[in-house]
Structure formats: structure tokens, C-alpha cells
Protein backbone atom coordinates (compact mmCIF):
# COMPACT_ATOMS: atom_id res chain seq x y z
CA UNK A 1 -163.47 -24.30 69.66
CA UNK A 2 -165.28 -23.17 73.24
CA UNK A 3 -162.41 -21.06 74.44
CA UNK A 4 -161.54 -19.91 71.47
CA UNK A 5 -164.78 -18.38 71.30
CA UNK A 6 -164.30 -16.81 75.07
CA UNK A 7 -160.86 -15.47 74.20
CA UNK A 8 -162.49 -13.87 71.70
CA UNK A 9 -165.20 -12.41 73.34
CA UNK A 10 -162.78 -11.10 76.03
CA UNK A 11 -160.98 -9.38 73.38
CA UNK A 12 -163.43 -7.99 72.16
CA UNK A 13 -164.62 -6.75 75.69
CA UNK A 14 -160.90 -5.35 76.20
CA UNK A 15 -161.13 -3.48 72.45
CA UNK A 16 -164.79 -1.91 73.79
CA UNK A 17 -163.65 -0.69 77.13
CA UNK A 18 -160.17 0.41 75.72
CA UNK A 19 -162.59 2.78 73.02
CA UNK A 20 -164.68 3.74 75.04
CA UNK A 21 -162.29 5.10 77.48
CA UNK A 22 -160.44 6.94 74.45
CA UNK A 23 -164.14 8.36 73.34
CA UNK A 24 -164.47 9.95 76.61
CA UNK A 25 -160.70 11.35 76.40
CA UNK A 26 -161.74 12.77 73.11
CA UNK A 27 -164.54 14.96 74.42
CA UNK A 28 -163.54 16.00 77.31
CA UNK A 29 -160.12 16.81 75.70
CA UNK A 30 -162.99 18.90 73.32
CA UNK A 31 -164.97 20.53 76.17
CA UNK A 32 -161.36 21.82 77.81
CA UNK A 33 -161.01 23.35 74.31
CA UNK A 34 -163.86 24.76 73.88
CA UNK A 35 -163.85 26.28 77.31
CA UNK A 36 -160.50 27.65 76.55
CA UNK A 37 -162.03 29.51 73.52
CA UNK A 38 -165.05 30.66 75.31
CA UNK A 39 -162.65 32.12 78.06
CA UNK A 40 -160.06 33.88 75.33
CA UNK A 41 -163.34 35.72 73.36
CA UNK A 42 -164.17 37.39 77.12
């Protein structure tokens, strides 16, 4: 029972790390896009 809970915690940590990485990548992409838009306006 306890072992299972440890595994679930590990899985949740992996999911959290994954979504954190995705969020970082998404915001970097947004910043890149915003920078491109500003550049094209000039």
C-alpha cells in the first residue's frame, strides 16, 4: 500500500515537471512571437 503511494507521488512529480516544462516552452514561444510582431511593425 505504502509502495503504491510512493509510485503515485513519483508519477505526479513527473507530470508536474512535464507541464512546467511545457508552460515554460509555451511562454518562450509567446515571447518570441511578440518579439517578431514588434519587429515586423517597424
